[in-house]
Amino acid sequence: MNRRQRSRYNLQIQTKSKYDIVKKYIDQYDFMNLLALGAPDDEYSIEVDAICERLSDKFSAKEIAQIVLEVFEYEFSENLIESGYGNALVEMSIKLHDELCGFAYHL
């Protein structure tokens, strides 16, 4: 495997892992209660994709929370803070930040 192939391979692993990390927390917090109501496992895939596209390992937990807030507001016309999920959003963003940063530094 040459250098360019290794670079693409590492990027694919990193991207997939970022997606898995974000999906884990979005599913766990299930802000719209869709999974709890029996929605399929991939219910939040559009939101997870949108969040991953905007995320960087250099973002703070506050910036991550803002991205999640904007994505959910766009996709569901629902403000998570006004819906009473402010504390959960902050908690999730801190966990997501810590795991993404830990992942990024181990590459």
C-alpha atoms as a PDB file:
ATOM      1  CA  MET A   1       0.000   0.000   0.000  1.00  0.00           C
ATOM      2  CA  ASN A   2       1.536   3.296  -1.052  1.00  0.00           C
ATOM      3  CA  ARG A   3       1.410   6.552   0.892  1.00  0.00           C
ATOM      4  CA  ARG A   4      -1.673   7.919  -0.906  1.00  0.00           C
ATOM      5  CA  GLN A   5      -3.595   4.667  -0.382  1.00  0.00           C
ATOM      6  CA  ARG A   6      -2.648   4.634   3.321  1.00  0.00           C
ATOM      7  CA  SER A   7      -3.826   8.227   3.674  1.00  0.00           C
ATOM      8  CA  ARG A   8      -7.196   7.425   2.087  1.00  0.00           C
ATOM      9  CA  TYR A   9      -7.492   4.279   4.195  1.00  0.00           C
ATOM     10  CA  ASN A  10      -6.771   6.189   7.418  1.00  0.00           C
ATOM     11  CA  LEU A  11      -9.273   8.892   6.457  1.00  0.00           C
ATOM     12  CA  GLN A  12     -11.960   6.257   5.843  1.00  0.00           C
ATOM     13  CA  ILE A  13     -11.290   4.686   9.246  1.00  0.00           C
ATOM     14  CA  GLN A  14     -11.331   8.093  10.947  1.00  0.00           C
ATOM     15  CA  THR A  15     -14.553   9.157   9.212  1.00  0.00           C
ATOM     16  CA  LYS A  16     -16.321   5.900  10.006  1.00  0.00           C
ATOM     17  CA  SER A  17     -15.224   6.062  13.612  1.00  0.00           C
ATOM     18  CA  LYS A  18     -16.333   9.680  13.969  1.00  0.00           C
ATOM     19  CA  TYR A  19     -19.735   8.658  12.595  1.00  0.00           C
ATOM     20  CA  ASP A  20     -19.951   5.744  15.045  1.00  0.00           C
ATOM     21  CA  ILE A  21     -19.068   7.969  17.996  1.00  0.00           C
ATOM     22  CA  VAL A  22     -21.604  10.655  17.067  1.00  0.00           C
ATOM     23  CA  LYS A  23     -24.291   8.055  16.316  1.00  0.00           C
ATOM     24  CA  LYS A  24     -23.739   6.407  19.686  1.00  0.00           C
ATOM     25  CA  TYR A  25     -24.488   9.632  21.567  1.00  0.00           C
ATOM     26  CA  ILE A  26     -27.305  10.853  19.336  1.00  0.00           C
ATOM     27  CA  ASP A  27     -29.009   7.467  19.684  1.00  0.00           C
ATOM     28  CA  GLN A  28     -28.333   7.300  23.416  1.00  0.00           C
ATOM     29  CA  TYR A  29     -29.904  10.707  24.070  1.00  0.00           C
ATOM     30  CA  ASP A  30     -32.700  10.183  21.489  1.00  0.00           C
ATOM     31  CA  PHE A  31     -33.806  13.825  21.768  1.00  0.00           C
ATOM     32  CA  MET A  32     -36.914  13.304  19.623  1.00  0.00           C
ATOM     33  CA  ASN A  33     -37.824  10.027  21.398  1.00  0.00           C
ATOM     34  CA  LEU A  34     -38.056   8.306  18.023  1.00  0.00           C
ATOM     35  CA  LEU A  35     -35.970   5.268  18.950  1.00  0.00           C
ATOM     36  CA  ALA A  36     -37.946   4.866  22.164  1.00  0.00           C
ATOM     37  CA  LEU A  37     -41.095   4.777  20.039  1.00  0.00           C
ATOM     38  CA  GLY A  38     -39.710   1.957  17.872  1.00  0.00           C
ATOM     39  CA  ALA A  39     -38.088   3.844  14.987  1.00  0.00           C
ATOM     40  CA  PRO A  40     -35.404   1.950  13.024  1.00  0.00           C
ATOM     41  CA  ASP A  41     -31.775   1.999  14.174  1.00  0.00           C
ATOM     42  CA  ASP A  42     -30.808   4.381  11.367  1.00  0.00           C
ATOM     43  CA  GLU A  43     -33.498   6.954  12.228  1.00  0.00           C
ATOM     44  CA  TYR A  44     -30.992   9.702  12.993  1.00  0.00           C
ATOM     45  CA  SER A  45     -28.563   8.919  10.145  1.00  0.00           C
ATOM     46  CA  ILE A  46     -29.276  12.202   8.315  1.00  0.00           C
ATOM     47  CA  GLU A  47     -28.625  14.204  11.473  1.00  0.00           C
ATOM     48  CA  VAL A  48     -25.494  12.219  12.320  1.00  0.00           C
ATOM     49  CA  ASP A  49     -24.150  12.773   8.787  1.00  0.00           C
ATOM     50  CA  ALA A  50     -24.841  16.511   9.023  1.00  0.00           C
ATOM     51  CA  ILE A  51     -23.154  16.751  12.421  1.00  0.00           C
ATOM     52  CA  CYS A  52     -20.107  14.768  11.257  1.00  0.00           C
ATOM     53  CA  GLU A  53     -19.671  16.994   8.206  1.00  0.00           C
ATOM     54  CA  ARG A  54     -19.361  20.026  10.455  1.00  0.00           C
ATOM     55  CA  LEU A  55     -17.311  18.519  13.309  1.00  0.00           C
ATOM     56  CA  SER A  56     -13.633  18.920  13.895  1.00  0.00           C
ATOM     57  CA  ASP A  57     -11.565  17.540  16.756  1.00  0.00           C
ATOM     58  CA  LYS A  58     -10.572  21.142  17.451  1.00  0.00           C
ATOM     59  CA  PHE A  59     -14.107  22.179  18.463  1.00  0.00           C
ATOM     60  CA  SER A  60     -15.009  22.823  22.064  1.00  0.00           C
ATOM     61  CA  ALA A  61     -17.943  21.092  23.742  1.00  0.00           C
ATOM     62  CA  LYS A  62     -19.856  24.379  23.445  1.00  0.00           C
ATOM     63  CA  GLU A  63     -19.266  24.483  19.685  1.00  0.00           C
ATOM     64  CA  ILE A  64     -20.353  20.846  19.360  1.00  0.00           C
ATOM     65  CA  ALA A  65     -23.545  21.629  21.285  1.00  0.00           C
ATOM     66  CA  GLN A  66     -24.231  24.515  18.904  1.00  0.00           C
ATOM     67  CA  ILE A  67     -23.800  22.247  15.872  1.00  0.00           C
ATOM     68  CA  VAL A  68     -26.136  19.606  17.302  1.00  0.00           C
ATOM     69  CA  LEU A  69     -28.660  22.297  18.220  1.00  0.00           C
ATOM     70  CA  GLU A  70     -28.584  23.771  14.697  1.00  0.00           C
ATOM     71  CA  VAL A  71     -28.871  20.385  12.973  1.00  0.00           C
ATOM     72  CA  PHE A  72     -31.838  19.270  15.069  1.00  0.00           C
ATOM     73  CA  GLU A  73     -33.534  22.631  14.673  1.00  0.00           C
ATOM     74  CA  TYR A  74     -33.102  22.436  10.895  1.00  0.00           C
ATOM     75  CA  GLU A  75     -34.193  18.801  10.544  1.00  0.00           C
ATOM     76  CA  PHE A  76     -37.039  18.764  13.072  1.00  0.00           C
ATOM     77  CA  SER A  77     -37.959  22.452  13.442  1.00  0.00           C
ATOM     78  CA  GLU A  78     -37.406  21.825  17.140  1.00  0.00           C
ATOM     79  CA  ASN A  79     -35.184  23.820  19.473  1.00  0.00           C
ATOM     80  CA  LEU A  80     -33.690  21.344  21.942  1.00  0.00           C
ATOM     81  CA  ILE A  81     -33.160  23.975  24.623  1.00  0.00           C
ATOM     82  CA  GLU A  82     -36.719  25.279  24.408  1.00  0.00           C
ATOM     83  CA  SER A  83     -37.935  21.655  24.497  1.00  0.00           C
ATOM     84  CA  GLY A  84     -36.233  21.120  27.856  1.00  0.00           C
ATOM     85  CA  TYR A  85     -33.156  19.244  26.622  1.00  0.00           C
ATOM     86  CA  GLY A  86     -30.603  21.954  27.402  1.00  0.00           C
ATOM     87  CA  ASN A  87     -28.861  20.084  30.228  1.00  0.00           C
ATOM     88  CA  ALA A  88     -28.859  16.815  28.274  1.00  0.00           C
ATOM     89  CA  LEU A  89     -27.441  18.617  25.231  1.00  0.00           C
ATOM     90  CA  VAL A  90     -24.588  20.057  27.285  1.00  0.00           C
ATOM     91  CA  GLU A  91     -23.897  16.692  28.937  1.00  0.00           C
ATOM     92  CA  MET A  92     -23.910  14.870  25.593  1.00  0.00           C
ATOM     93  CA  SER A  93     -21.674  17.489  23.965  1.00  0.00           C
ATOM     94  CA  ILE A  94     -19.071  17.163  26.711  1.00  0.00           C
ATOM     95  CA  LYS A  95     -19.027  13.364  26.361  1.00  0.00           C
ATOM     96  CA  LEU A  96     -18.887  13.620  22.584  1.00  0.00           C
ATOM     97  CA  HIS A  97     -16.074  16.171  22.743  1.00  0.00           C
ATOM     98  CA  ASP A  98     -14.039  14.056  25.151  1.00  0.00           C
ATOM     99  CA  GLU A  99     -14.405  10.911  23.060  1.00  0.00           C
ATOM    100  CA  LEU A 100     -13.718  12.638  19.741  1.00  0.00           C
ATOM    101  CA  CYS A 101     -10.645  14.393  21.083  1.00  0.00           C
ATOM    102  CA  GLY A 102      -9.352  11.198  22.651  1.00  0.00           C
ATOM    103  CA  PHE A 103      -9.916   9.412  19.361  1.00  0.00           C
ATOM    104  CA  ALA A 104      -8.174  12.144  17.369  1.00  0.00           C
ATOM    105  CA  TYR A 105      -5.063  12.076  19.547  1.00  0.00           C
ATOM    106  CA  HIS A 106      -4.722   8.306  19.263  1.00  0.00           C
ATOM    107  CA  LEU A 107      -4.506   8.284  15.448  1.00  0.00           C
END
